[in-house]
Amino acid sequence: MMLMLSTIFNLVNRNFSKVYLWLAVLIFGAANAITRKLTEIGSQNLIDGRNPISFCNVLFVGNICALLMLILIYRRQWNISNLKQVSWQNWIGLSAAAILSGALAPSLIFGALSHTMVTNVVLIGRLESPLTLALSFILLKEEVNLWIISGAIISFIGVALTLFLQFLWENMMSSGVFITVGVGEIMVVGGAIAIAISTIISKTRLQQVPLGIFSVFRTALATIVFFCLVLYLYGSQHFMDIFSPFLWQWILIYSAVIVVFGQLCWFTGLKNSSTSEVSLASSFAPIAGILAAYVFLGEVPTAAQYIGGIIILFGIFLSQIGIWHQTASNTAAHRVTSPEKMDARCGFKGV
């Protein structure tokens, strides 16, 4: 009887984990579109000619709100015993990962959202996956099969083709001679590189760091670094509307839903999901992002984005086949053992 109850409990728990996983993917997929929508709402409610919900304000205040909520959730993990287990090498790794994935990458992606379509950000951001795979193979000597390699190469080609066709047609329309890459697209590429490097650092240095310490420290340091960087580049007047009630009421909702609830669903889903299940759910992130751009912003993909997107999705499909084969042949890798290791699997998560 007890064995039967245990079996039923485990089955229900696994099914709920899948629900949390897919819900997190939908939330993260909508992050870019919702961020752009918030800035549009701000542009319709100017304060002395200024947009109170600028991208910098969204990122900074969003980080503060997320940090407060994460402290409430993980405060028990911040004790002397856990902190003593984190070596100085891990603190260095944590700092590097925080700056790259918590400050640099979001800054570049938020900047890109002000220069290009959300669909471009979603598709070009998929460059992160083949970059991470290449770095894992070269630096960490991770085993990958031909399916995964083929999928990564095809996804990379899809991203490159999206850029090439888009700017080729734009230059043809403007009778230009040279093909130029937009600032927004360059920022997305930079953000993808930063996240890929952060993922490698997490794999090598942060496997044993408690999740609460990992999340809170990353958010706190990223907030400080971003604040100092903006002050240096633009001056203190750039945060003039930081205490606007209109800004905070929207960012509190944004932080609670996109950042905190999304992260909780993600990590809860990871606990009882296999690597292949996580990979399958994550592969739908670009579809969720494109649909969110259409629903919230009315963005219709261009021909170049359709062509590149189809190729990217085909590459993701091949990679998924490779992960299924790899999981089947290596039972030890069947379970997801580290939330930090899988943290960047779904791409950009709002802040």
Protein backbone atom coordinates (compact mmCIF):
# COMPACT_ATOMS: atom_id res chain seq x y z
CA MET A 1 0.00 0.00 0.00
CA MET A 2 2.77 2.42 0.97
CA LEU A 3 4.65 1.54 -2.22
CA MET A 4 1.55 2.30 -4.29
CA LEU A 5 1.02 5.65 -2.56
CA SER A 6 4.68 6.52 -3.04
CA THR A 7 4.45 5.66 -6.73
CA ILE A 8 1.32 7.79 -7.18
CA PHE A 9 2.94 10.70 -5.30
CA ASN A 10 6.06 10.57 -7.45
CA LEU A 11 3.96 10.43 -10.64
CA VAL A 12 1.87 13.44 -9.60
CA ASN A 13 5.01 15.30 -8.55
CA ARG A 14 6.67 14.67 -11.93
CA ASN A 15 3.57 15.82 -13.83
CA PHE A 16 3.39 19.02 -11.79
CA SER A 17 7.09 19.58 -12.48
CA LYS A 18 6.38 19.47 -16.20
CA VAL A 19 3.57 22.01 -15.77
CA TYR A 20 5.90 24.35 -13.88
CA LEU A 21 8.59 23.88 -16.52
CA TRP A 22 6.32 24.75 -19.44
CA LEU A 23 4.79 27.66 -17.55
CA ALA A 24 8.29 29.06 -16.94
CA VAL A 25 9.13 28.76 -20.63
CA LEU A 26 5.98 30.70 -21.57
CA ILE A 27 6.78 33.42 -19.01
CA PHE A 28 10.41 33.78 -20.09
CA GLY A 29 9.42 33.69 -23.75
CA ALA A 30 7.14 36.67 -23.18
CA ALA A 31 9.76 38.67 -21.23
CA ASN A 32 11.12 40.66 -24.18
CA ALA A 33 7.69 41.57 -25.55
CA ILE A 34 6.38 42.60 -22.12
CA THR A 35 9.47 44.73 -21.51
CA ARG A 36 8.93 46.57 -24.80
CA LYS A 37 5.22 46.95 -23.96
CA LEU A 38 6.04 48.54 -20.61
CA THR A 39 8.25 51.15 -22.27
CA GLU A 40 5.44 51.92 -24.71
CA ILE A 41 3.07 52.44 -21.77
CA GLY A 42 5.66 54.78 -20.26
CA SER A 43 5.94 56.76 -23.51
CA GLN A 44 2.20 57.41 -23.29
CA ASN A 45 2.55 58.74 -19.73
CA LEU A 46 5.54 61.09 -19.90
CA ILE A 47 6.83 63.03 -16.89
CA ASP A 48 8.12 66.44 -18.02
CA GLY A 49 8.79 64.94 -21.43
CA ARG A 50 10.64 61.91 -20.02
CA ASN A 51 9.61 58.26 -20.22
CA PRO A 52 9.42 57.03 -16.58
CA ILE A 53 9.50 53.40 -17.76
CA SER A 54 12.72 53.62 -19.73
CA PHE A 55 14.75 50.47 -20.35
CA CYS A 56 17.34 51.52 -17.75
CA ASN A 57 14.64 52.15 -15.15
CA VAL A 58 12.97 48.82 -15.94
CA LEU A 59 16.23 46.93 -15.50
CA PHE A 60 17.38 48.74 -12.36
CA VAL A 61 14.06 48.86 -10.48
CA GLY A 62 13.19 45.37 -11.72
CA ASN A 63 16.43 44.07 -10.23
CA ILE A 64 15.74 45.78 -6.91
CA CYS A 65 12.23 44.32 -6.68
CA ALA A 66 13.49 40.90 -7.70
CA LEU A 67 16.30 41.09 -5.13
CA LEU A 68 13.89 41.89 -2.31
CA MET A 69 11.63 39.01 -3.27
CA LEU A 70 14.55 36.58 -3.65
CA ILE A 71 15.87 37.56 -0.20
CA LEU A 72 12.48 36.76 1.31
CA ILE A 73 12.39 33.40 -0.47
CA TYR A 74 16.00 32.30 0.15
CA ARG A 75 16.87 34.10 3.40
CA ARG A 76 17.31 30.81 5.30
CA GLN A 77 20.09 29.69 2.94
CA TRP A 78 22.12 32.78 3.88
CA ASN A 79 23.63 31.38 7.03
CA ILE A 80 27.20 31.03 8.28
CA SER A 81 27.32 27.31 7.55
CA ASN A 82 26.38 27.69 3.87
CA LEU A 83 28.58 30.74 3.35
CA LYS A 84 31.62 28.90 4.72
CA GLN A 85 31.13 26.20 2.09
CA VAL A 86 31.59 28.72 -0.72
CA SER A 87 35.30 28.99 -1.53
CA TRP A 88 36.98 32.19 -2.69
CA GLN A 89 37.26 30.63 -6.17
CA ASN A 90 33.49 30.18 -6.17
CA TRP A 91 32.97 33.78 -5.09
CA ILE A 92 35.10 34.90 -8.04
CA GLY A 93 33.07 32.65 -10.33
CA LEU A 94 29.83 33.99 -8.86
CA SER A 95 30.99 37.56 -9.41
CA ALA A 96 31.96 36.90 -13.03
CA ALA A 97 28.67 35.12 -13.75
CA ALA A 98 26.70 37.91 -12.06
CA ILE A 99 28.37 40.64 -14.11
CA LEU A 100 28.05 38.75 -17.39
CA SER A 101 24.54 37.27 -17.11
CA GLY A 102 23.02 39.67 -14.59
CA ALA A 103 24.36 43.06 -15.72
CA LEU A 104 26.05 42.96 -19.14
CA ALA A 105 23.69 40.60 -20.99
CA PRO A 106 20.42 42.22 -19.81
CA SER A 107 21.84 45.69 -20.53
CA LEU A 108 22.68 44.68 -24.09
CA ILE A 109 19.35 42.92 -24.64
CA PHE A 110 17.33 45.80 -23.20
CA GLY A 111 19.33 48.16 -25.40
CA ALA A 112 18.62 45.96 -28.40
CA LEU A 113 14.87 46.12 -27.70
CA SER A 114 15.00 49.87 -28.27
CA HIS A 115 16.71 49.46 -31.67
CA THR A 116 15.15 46.41 -33.32
CA MET A 117 12.08 44.17 -33.42
CA VAL A 118 11.41 41.80 -30.52
CA THR A 119 11.31 38.93 -33.03
CA ASN A 120 14.88 39.76 -34.04
CA VAL A 121 15.96 39.71 -30.40
CA VAL A 122 14.30 36.32 -29.89
CA LEU A 123 15.77 34.68 -33.01
CA ILE A 124 19.26 36.15 -32.88
CA GLY A 125 19.40 35.40 -29.16
CA ARG A 126 19.32 31.69 -30.05
CA LEU A 127 22.98 32.16 -30.97
CA GLU A 128 23.61 31.52 -27.28
CA SER A 129 22.93 27.76 -27.60
CA PRO A 130 25.52 26.90 -30.29
CA LEU A 131 28.04 29.20 -28.61
CA THR A 132 27.55 27.43 -25.28
CA LEU A 133 27.86 24.05 -26.98
CA ALA A 134 31.06 25.06 -28.76
CA LEU A 135 32.63 26.42 -25.57
CA SER A 136 31.57 23.33 -23.60
CA PHE A 137 33.10 21.05 -26.23
CA ILE A 138 36.36 23.03 -26.54
CA LEU A 139 36.96 24.07 -22.93
CA LEU A 140 35.16 21.42 -20.87
CA LYS A 141 35.61 18.47 -23.26
CA GLU A 142 31.93 17.59 -22.91
CA GLU A 143 30.72 14.66 -24.98
CA VAL A 144 28.28 15.57 -27.74
CA ASN A 145 26.90 13.43 -30.53
CA LEU A 146 26.53 14.22 -34.22
CA TRP A 147 22.86 15.16 -33.85
CA ILE A 148 23.61 17.87 -31.29
CA ILE A 149 26.53 19.22 -33.32
CA SER A 150 24.42 19.27 -36.50
CA GLY A 151 21.58 21.02 -34.70
CA ALA A 152 23.90 23.68 -33.30
CA ILE A 153 25.47 24.34 -36.71
CA ILE A 154 22.07 24.59 -38.42
CA SER A 155 20.77 26.93 -35.68
CA PHE A 156 23.85 29.10 -36.16
CA ILE A 157 23.21 29.16 -39.92
CA GLY A 158 19.59 30.14 -39.23
CA VAL A 159 20.68 33.11 -37.11
CA ALA A 160 23.25 34.19 -39.71
CA LEU A 161 20.72 33.83 -42.53
CA THR A 162 18.16 35.89 -40.63
CA LEU A 163 20.67 38.71 -40.34
CA PHE A 164 21.94 38.39 -43.91
CA LEU A 165 18.54 38.27 -45.63
CA GLN A 166 17.08 41.02 -43.49
CA PHE A 167 19.83 43.50 -44.15
CA LEU A 168 20.24 42.44 -47.76
CA TRP A 169 16.60 43.24 -48.45
CA GLU A 170 16.74 46.44 -46.41
CA ASN A 171 19.75 47.66 -48.38
CA MET A 172 18.12 46.69 -51.66
CA MET A 173 15.05 48.71 -50.68
CA SER A 174 17.23 51.71 -49.85
CA SER A 175 19.46 51.21 -52.91
CA GLY A 176 22.45 50.88 -50.63
CA VAL A 177 25.75 49.38 -51.75
CA PHE A 178 27.03 47.92 -48.48
CA ILE A 179 25.19 45.61 -46.11
CA THR A 180 25.27 47.02 -42.61
CA VAL A 181 24.32 45.32 -39.36
CA GLY A 182 22.07 47.27 -37.02
CA VAL A 183 23.08 48.33 -33.52
CA GLY A 184 20.26 46.30 -31.98
CA GLU A 185 21.36 43.08 -33.66
CA ILE A 186 24.97 43.61 -32.56
CA MET A 187 23.76 44.11 -28.98
CA VAL A 188 21.80 40.84 -29.09
CA VAL A 189 24.90 38.98 -30.30
CA GLY A 190 26.92 40.54 -27.48
CA GLY A 191 24.29 39.50 -24.94
CA ALA A 192 24.29 35.93 -26.28
CA ILE A 193 28.08 35.76 -25.96
CA ALA A 194 27.93 37.07 -22.38
CA ILE A 195 25.29 34.48 -21.36
CA ALA A 196 27.25 31.66 -23.04
CA ILE A 197 30.43 32.56 -21.14
CA SER A 198 28.46 32.87 -17.89
CA THR A 199 27.01 29.39 -18.47
CA ILE A 200 30.50 27.91 -18.84
CA ILE A 201 31.58 29.59 -15.60
CA SER A 202 28.50 28.20 -13.84
CA LYS A 203 29.28 24.70 -15.08
CA THR A 204 32.88 24.79 -13.92
CA ARG A 205 32.70 26.76 -10.68
CA LEU A 206 29.18 26.92 -9.28
CA GLN A 207 27.91 23.33 -9.14
CA GLN A 208 28.13 23.16 -5.34
CA VAL A 209 26.91 26.69 -4.54
CA PRO A 210 23.44 26.72 -2.89
CA LEU A 211 20.76 28.05 -5.21
CA GLY A 212 19.68 30.79 -2.79
CA ILE A 213 23.20 32.19 -2.48
CA PHE A 214 23.66 31.89 -6.24
CA SER A 215 20.44 33.79 -7.07
CA VAL A 216 20.60 36.52 -4.42
CA PHE A 217 24.30 37.32 -4.86
CA ARG A 218 24.02 37.41 -8.66
CA THR A 219 21.05 39.78 -8.57
CA ALA A 220 22.60 42.05 -5.92
CA LEU A 221 25.98 42.40 -7.62
CA ALA A 222 24.40 42.81 -11.06
CA THR A 223 22.22 45.65 -9.73
CA ILE A 224 25.21 47.46 -8.23
CA VAL A 225 27.36 47.05 -11.35
CA PHE A 226 24.57 48.24 -13.65
CA PHE A 227 23.84 51.26 -11.45
CA CYS A 228 27.50 52.32 -11.37
CA LEU A 229 27.84 51.79 -15.13
CA VAL A 230 24.82 53.98 -15.93
CA LEU A 231 26.01 56.69 -13.53
CA TYR A 232 29.42 56.69 -15.24
CA LEU A 233 28.04 56.75 -18.79
CA TYR A 234 24.98 59.00 -18.43
CA GLY A 235 25.15 60.73 -15.06
CA SER A 236 22.78 60.72 -12.09
CA GLN A 237 20.05 62.56 -14.02
CA HIS A 238 19.44 59.36 -15.99
CA PHE A 239 17.65 57.93 -12.94
CA MET A 240 15.64 61.11 -12.29
CA ASP A 241 12.29 59.26 -12.39
CA ILE A 242 13.44 56.24 -10.41
CA PHE A 243 11.01 56.98 -7.53
CA SER A 244 7.99 57.53 -9.75
CA PRO A 245 4.96 55.64 -8.33
CA PHE A 246 3.82 55.00 -11.89
CA LEU A 247 7.11 53.21 -12.63
CA TRP A 248 7.08 51.14 -9.44
CA GLN A 249 3.51 49.92 -9.79
CA TRP A 250 4.31 48.39 -13.17
CA ILE A 251 7.74 47.06 -12.23
CA LEU A 252 6.41 45.37 -9.09
CA ILE A 253 4.06 43.37 -11.31
CA TYR A 254 6.83 42.73 -13.84
CA SER A 255 9.28 41.53 -11.18
CA ALA A 256 6.75 39.36 -9.38
CA VAL A 257 5.51 37.62 -12.53
CA ILE A 258 8.46 37.55 -14.95
CA VAL A 259 11.41 37.34 -12.59
CA VAL A 260 10.38 35.73 -9.32
CA PHE A 261 7.39 33.57 -10.32
CA GLY A 262 9.12 32.60 -13.56
CA GLN A 263 12.31 31.61 -11.74
CA LEU A 264 10.39 29.67 -9.08
CA CYS A 265 8.49 27.74 -11.76
CA TRP A 266 11.75 27.08 -13.61
CA PHE A 267 13.70 25.73 -10.66
CA THR A 268 10.70 23.81 -9.32
CA GLY A 269 10.31 22.19 -12.72
CA LEU A 270 14.00 21.29 -12.84
CA LYS A 271 13.84 19.28 -9.61
CA ASN A 272 11.87 16.35 -11.02
CA SER A 273 12.46 16.69 -14.76
CA SER A 274 14.99 14.91 -16.94
CA THR A 275 17.53 16.69 -19.11
CA SER A 276 15.58 15.77 -22.25
CA GLU A 277 12.32 17.14 -20.76
CA VAL A 278 14.00 20.43 -19.87
CA SER A 279 15.56 20.66 -23.32
CA LEU A 280 12.25 19.92 -25.04
CA ALA A 281 10.40 22.59 -23.06
CA SER A 282 13.19 25.13 -23.63
CA SER A 283 13.13 24.50 -27.37
CA PHE A 284 9.71 26.19 -27.49
CA ALA A 285 11.04 29.43 -25.96
CA PRO A 286 11.57 31.15 -29.35
CA ILE A 287 8.05 30.21 -30.46
CA ALA A 288 6.66 31.64 -27.22
CA GLY A 289 8.73 34.81 -27.75
CA ILE A 290 7.50 35.34 -31.31
CA LEU A 291 3.87 34.69 -30.33
CA ALA A 292 4.18 37.11 -27.40
CA ALA A 293 5.57 39.78 -29.74
CA TYR A 294 2.52 39.32 -31.97
CA VAL A 295 -0.02 39.27 -29.12
CA PHE A 296 1.37 42.18 -27.06
CA LEU A 297 2.93 44.33 -29.79
CA GLY A 298 1.26 43.28 -33.01
CA GLU A 299 4.64 42.37 -34.55
CA VAL A 300 4.33 40.24 -37.69
CA PRO A 301 7.54 38.35 -38.61
CA THR A 302 9.21 39.41 -41.85
CA ALA A 303 10.07 36.98 -44.65
CA ALA A 304 13.69 36.91 -43.47
CA GLN A 305 12.59 36.08 -39.94
CA TYR A 306 10.27 33.32 -41.18
CA ILE A 307 13.08 31.71 -43.20
CA GLY A 308 15.70 32.05 -40.48
CA GLY A 309 13.24 31.02 -37.77
CA ILE A 310 12.27 27.82 -39.56
CA ILE A 311 15.94 26.88 -39.97
CA ILE A 312 16.63 27.66 -36.30
CA LEU A 313 13.70 25.52 -35.20
CA PHE A 314 14.93 22.69 -37.41
CA GLY A 315 18.34 22.96 -35.75
CA ILE A 316 16.68 22.86 -32.32
CA PHE A 317 14.76 19.75 -33.41
CA LEU A 318 17.99 17.98 -34.43
CA SER A 319 19.64 18.94 -31.15
CA GLN A 320 16.64 17.56 -29.29
CA ILE A 321 17.05 14.22 -31.07
CA GLY A 322 20.71 14.22 -30.04
CA ILE A 323 19.81 14.91 -26.41
CA TRP A 324 17.28 12.06 -26.44
CA HIS A 325 19.96 9.69 -27.78
CA GLN A 326 22.51 10.92 -25.27
CA THR A 327 20.07 10.55 -22.37
CA ALA A 328 19.11 7.05 -23.43
CA SER A 329 22.74 5.93 -23.64
CA ASN A 330 23.80 7.52 -20.36
CA THR A 331 21.37 6.88 -17.51
CA ALA A 332 23.57 8.85 -15.11
CA ALA A 333 22.80 11.98 -17.07
CA HIS A 334 19.06 11.34 -17.05
CA ARG A 335 18.27 13.56 -14.11
CA VAL A 336 19.00 17.28 -13.93
CA THR A 337 21.45 17.45 -11.04
CA SER A 338 22.14 21.16 -10.88
CA PRO A 339 19.72 24.07 -11.35
CA GLU A 340 22.69 26.39 -11.94
CA LYS A 341 23.90 24.18 -14.76
CA MET A 342 20.54 24.45 -16.51
CA ASP A 343 19.91 28.10 -15.60
CA ALA A 344 20.72 29.55 -19.03
CA ARG A 345 18.96 26.81 -20.99
CA CYS A 346 15.93 28.99 -21.60
CA GLY A 347 17.81 32.14 -22.56
CA PHE A 348 16.90 35.61 -21.39
CA LYS A 349 14.65 35.68 -18.30
CA GLY A 350 13.73 39.33 -17.94
CA VAL A 351 16.56 40.61 -15.70
